[in-house]
Amino acid sequence: MKDEIQPLFKQNYPDILNVWEASVLATHHFLSEQDIAFYKPLILNEYLQA
C-alpha cells in the first residue's frame, strides 16, 4: 500500500479539528479545557489556512 498526501480542503477543516482535539485530549493532559477552547478557533480559522 502506498501512502499519499492529499490536498487540504476547507470542507475537511471540521474533521481535521476533531482529530486534533481527540489527539490533544489523549496526549496533552497539562492543557485545560480553557486552553483547548482558546486554540480551537485559532486552528479552525487561522492555522489551517496558513
N, C-alpha and C. Protein backbone atom coordinates (compact mmCIF):
# COMPACT_ATOMS: atom_id res chain seq x y z
N MET A 1 0.84 -1.18 0.00
CA MET A 1 0.00 0.00 0.00
C MET A 1 0.89 1.24 0.00
N LYS A 2 0.56 2.17 -0.86
CA LYS A 2 1.33 3.40 -0.97
C LYS A 2 0.57 4.54 -0.29
N ASP A 3 1.24 5.22 0.64
CA ASP A 3 0.63 6.38 1.29
C ASP A 3 0.74 7.57 0.35
N GLU A 4 -0.29 8.37 0.38
CA GLU A 4 -0.31 9.53 -0.49
C GLU A 4 -0.82 10.73 0.30
N ILE A 5 -0.14 11.84 0.18
CA ILE A 5 -0.57 13.07 0.83
C ILE A 5 -1.68 13.69 -0.01
N GLN A 6 -2.78 13.97 0.65
CA GLN A 6 -3.93 14.55 -0.03
C GLN A 6 -3.96 16.06 0.21
N PRO A 7 -4.48 16.81 -0.75
CA PRO A 7 -4.61 18.26 -0.52
C PRO A 7 -5.61 18.55 0.60
N LEU A 8 -5.43 19.68 1.22
CA LEU A 8 -6.30 20.12 2.30
C LEU A 8 -7.40 21.01 1.74
N PHE A 9 -8.64 20.63 1.99
CA PHE A 9 -9.78 21.42 1.53
C PHE A 9 -10.54 21.96 2.73
N LYS A 10 -11.08 23.16 2.57
CA LYS A 10 -11.77 23.83 3.67
C LYS A 10 -12.93 22.99 4.22
N GLN A 11 -13.59 22.23 3.39
CA GLN A 11 -14.71 21.41 3.88
C GLN A 11 -14.24 20.30 4.82
N ASN A 12 -12.93 20.01 4.82
CA ASN A 12 -12.38 19.00 5.71
C ASN A 12 -11.93 19.57 7.05
N TYR A 13 -11.93 20.89 7.19
CA TYR A 13 -11.45 21.52 8.42
C TYR A 13 -12.14 20.99 9.68
N PRO A 14 -13.46 20.86 9.70
CA PRO A 14 -14.09 20.34 10.93
C PRO A 14 -13.61 18.93 11.31
N ASP A 15 -13.42 18.07 10.33
CA ASP A 15 -12.91 16.73 10.61
C ASP A 15 -11.48 16.78 11.14
N ILE A 16 -10.68 17.63 10.55
CA ILE A 16 -9.29 17.78 10.99
C ILE A 16 -9.26 18.33 12.42
N LEU A 17 -10.13 19.28 12.70
CA LEU A 17 -10.20 19.84 14.05
C LEU A 17 -10.62 18.77 15.05
N ASN A 18 -11.54 17.90 14.68
CA ASN A 18 -11.95 16.81 15.57
C ASN A 18 -10.79 15.86 15.86
N VAL A 19 -10.00 15.55 14.85
CA VAL A 19 -8.83 14.69 15.06
C VAL A 19 -7.83 15.39 15.97
N TRP A 20 -7.61 16.68 15.74
CA TRP A 20 -6.70 17.45 16.58
C TRP A 20 -7.16 17.42 18.04
N GLU A 21 -8.45 17.69 18.26
CA GLU A 21 -8.96 17.74 19.63
C GLU A 21 -8.85 16.38 20.32
N ALA A 22 -9.20 15.32 19.62
CA ALA A 22 -9.09 13.99 20.21
C ALA A 22 -7.64 13.66 20.56
N SER A 23 -6.73 14.05 19.69
CA SER A 23 -5.30 13.80 19.94
C SER A 23 -4.81 14.59 21.14
N VAL A 24 -5.22 15.84 21.21
CA VAL A 24 -4.80 16.69 22.33
C VAL A 24 -5.37 16.16 23.64
N LEU A 25 -6.63 15.79 23.64
CA LEU A 25 -7.24 15.27 24.87
C LEU A 25 -6.56 13.98 25.33
N ALA A 26 -6.09 13.18 24.38
CA ALA A 26 -5.46 11.91 24.72
C ALA A 26 -4.01 12.05 25.17
N THR A 27 -3.36 13.14 24.76
CA THR A 27 -1.91 13.21 24.99
C THR A 27 -1.43 14.45 25.74
N HIS A 28 -2.20 15.50 25.77
CA HIS A 28 -1.75 16.75 26.38
C HIS A 28 -2.53 17.03 27.66
N HIS A 29 -2.30 16.20 28.65
CA HIS A 29 -3.06 16.29 29.90
C HIS A 29 -2.78 17.57 30.68
N PHE A 30 -1.72 18.26 30.32
CA PHE A 30 -1.37 19.50 31.00
C PHE A 30 -2.20 20.68 30.51
N LEU A 31 -2.93 20.52 29.40
CA LEU A 31 -3.79 21.59 28.89
C LEU A 31 -5.16 21.52 29.54
N SER A 32 -5.67 22.68 29.89
CA SER A 32 -7.01 22.74 30.48
C SER A 32 -8.06 22.82 29.36
N GLU A 33 -9.31 22.63 29.74
CA GLU A 33 -10.40 22.79 28.78
C GLU A 33 -10.41 24.21 28.21
N GLN A 34 -10.05 25.17 29.05
CA GLN A 34 -9.99 26.56 28.60
C GLN A 34 -8.88 26.75 27.56
N ASP A 35 -7.76 26.08 27.75
CA ASP A 35 -6.67 26.14 26.77
C ASP A 35 -7.14 25.60 25.42
N ILE A 36 -7.79 24.46 25.46
CA ILE A 36 -8.26 23.83 24.23
C ILE A 36 -9.31 24.72 23.56
N ALA A 37 -10.21 25.28 24.35
CA ALA A 37 -11.23 26.18 23.81
C ALA A 37 -10.59 27.42 23.20
N PHE A 38 -9.48 27.87 23.75
CA PHE A 38 -8.76 29.01 23.21
C PHE A 38 -8.17 28.69 21.83
N TYR A 39 -7.56 27.51 21.71
CA TYR A 39 -6.87 27.15 20.47
C TYR A 39 -7.79 26.69 19.34
N LYS A 40 -8.93 26.11 19.67
CA LYS A 40 -9.81 25.56 18.63
C LYS A 40 -10.17 26.57 17.55
N PRO A 41 -10.66 27.76 17.88
CA PRO A 41 -10.99 28.70 16.80
C PRO A 41 -9.76 29.19 16.04
N LEU A 42 -8.63 29.28 16.73
CA LEU A 42 -7.40 29.68 16.03
C LEU A 42 -7.01 28.63 15.00
N ILE A 43 -7.09 27.37 15.38
CA ILE A 43 -6.74 26.30 14.45
C ILE A 43 -7.71 26.30 13.27
N LEU A 44 -8.99 26.38 13.56
CA LEU A 44 -10.01 26.32 12.52
C LEU A 44 -9.95 27.52 11.58
N ASN A 45 -9.78 28.71 12.12
CA ASN A 45 -9.92 29.93 11.33
C ASN A 45 -8.62 30.56 10.86
N GLU A 46 -7.50 30.15 11.45
CA GLU A 46 -6.23 30.77 11.07
C GLU A 46 -5.16 29.76 10.69
N TYR A 47 -4.86 28.83 11.59
CA TYR A 47 -3.71 27.95 11.38
C TYR A 47 -3.88 27.00 10.20
N LEU A 48 -5.07 26.46 10.01
CA LEU A 48 -5.26 25.54 8.89
C LEU A 48 -5.17 26.25 7.55
N GLN A 49 -5.41 27.54 7.55
CA GLN A 49 -5.36 28.30 6.30
C GLN A 49 -3.96 28.83 5.99
N ALA A 50 -3.04 28.65 6.92
CA ALA A 50 -1.69 29.18 6.72
C ALA A 50 -0.94 28.40 5.66
